[in-house]
Amino acid sequence: MVPADQLDFESEKEPFCVYRLEDGTTLKIKTILANVARLVDRFKPDGQPIYVLGVGGLPVLDVPPELMRQPAQPLAKEE
């Protein structure tokens, strides 16, 4: 285990990256930063401190109608 200092942060901007897939689908994804730590007494060869990031992603899909199908029907409840 390497010692690290947890750093507080606030979001200044959280844009979506937008990608057009070859099937016509638009994929939007936002990276969400969960936590940041700076390693204690560890540096890159150029002298920069080393940061460890905890990230997640929020994907949103806009699928063309011709790729869609009818939703599956929910199972009937037994009484």
Protein backbone atom coordinates (compact mmCIF):
# COMPACT_ATOMS: atom_id res chain seq x y z
CA MET A 1 0.00 0.00 0.00
CA VAL A 2 1.30 3.45 -0.94
CA PRO A 3 0.51 6.43 1.31
CA ALA A 4 -1.72 9.04 -0.35
CA ASP A 5 -3.46 12.26 0.59
CA GLN A 6 -7.18 12.40 -0.28
CA LEU A 7 -8.03 15.69 -1.98
CA ASP A 8 -11.35 17.54 -1.92
CA PHE A 9 -12.57 18.89 -5.25
CA GLU A 10 -15.47 20.67 -6.87
CA SER A 11 -16.75 20.36 -10.39
CA GLU A 12 -16.19 23.35 -12.67
CA LYS A 13 -17.64 21.76 -15.80
CA GLU A 14 -18.99 18.28 -16.62
CA PRO A 15 -19.70 18.11 -20.36
CA PHE A 16 -20.78 15.03 -22.27
CA CYS A 17 -18.48 13.64 -24.96
CA VAL A 18 -20.62 12.80 -27.99
CA TYR A 19 -19.84 10.00 -30.45
CA ARG A 20 -21.71 8.98 -33.61
CA LEU A 21 -21.58 5.19 -34.08
CA GLU A 22 -21.57 3.64 -37.55
CA ASP A 23 -25.11 2.25 -37.05
CA GLY A 24 -26.48 5.78 -36.54
CA THR A 25 -26.64 5.62 -32.77
CA THR A 26 -25.46 8.66 -30.82
CA LEU A 27 -23.51 7.82 -27.66
CA LYS A 28 -23.11 10.52 -25.05
CA ILE A 29 -20.91 9.79 -22.04
CA LYS A 30 -20.00 11.90 -19.05
CA THR A 31 -17.02 11.04 -16.88
CA ILE A 32 -17.81 11.46 -13.19
CA LEU A 33 -14.95 11.97 -10.74
CA ALA A 34 -15.59 10.16 -7.44
CA ASN A 35 -12.32 10.74 -5.60
CA VAL A 36 -8.77 12.01 -6.03
CA ALA A 37 -5.62 11.13 -4.10
CA ARG A 38 -2.06 12.43 -4.51
CA LEU A 39 0.62 9.89 -3.69
CA VAL A 40 2.94 10.96 -0.87
CA ASP A 41 6.59 11.37 -1.91
CA ARG A 42 6.00 9.83 -5.36
CA PHE A 43 6.70 11.77 -8.53
CA LYS A 44 6.83 11.21 -12.29
CA PRO A 45 10.26 11.48 -13.96
CA ASP A 46 9.43 15.07 -14.98
CA GLY A 47 8.82 16.03 -11.32
CA GLN A 48 5.01 16.10 -11.38
CA PRO A 49 3.21 14.51 -8.42
CA ILE A 50 1.28 11.30 -9.11
CA TYR A 51 -2.51 11.41 -8.74
CA VAL A 52 -4.83 8.41 -8.45
CA LEU A 53 -8.38 8.97 -9.69
CA GLY A 54 -11.60 7.13 -8.96
CA VAL A 55 -13.94 7.67 -11.92
CA GLY A 56 -17.23 6.41 -13.24
CA GLY A 57 -19.18 6.98 -16.42
CA LEU A 58 -22.74 7.98 -17.26
CA PRO A 59 -23.69 6.72 -20.75
CA VAL A 60 -26.75 7.95 -22.67
CA LEU A 61 -27.78 6.35 -25.99
CA ASP A 62 -29.98 7.82 -28.72
CA VAL A 63 -30.80 4.81 -30.90
CA PRO A 64 -32.39 5.21 -34.37
CA PRO A 65 -36.00 3.89 -34.49
CA GLU A 66 -35.13 1.25 -37.12
CA LEU A 67 -32.77 -0.47 -34.64
CA MET A 68 -35.43 -0.69 -31.93
CA ARG A 69 -37.84 -3.56 -31.27
CA GLN A 70 -40.87 -3.91 -29.07
CA PRO A 71 -40.05 -4.10 -25.35
CA ALA A 72 -40.36 -7.53 -23.75
CA GLN A 73 -43.62 -8.08 -21.94
CA PRO A 74 -43.33 -8.39 -18.15
CA LEU A 75 -44.09 -11.80 -16.68
CA ALA A 76 -47.64 -12.17 -15.38
CA LYS A 77 -47.97 -12.30 -11.59
CA GLU A 78 -49.18 -15.54 -10.11
CA GLU A 79 -52.11 -15.15 -7.74
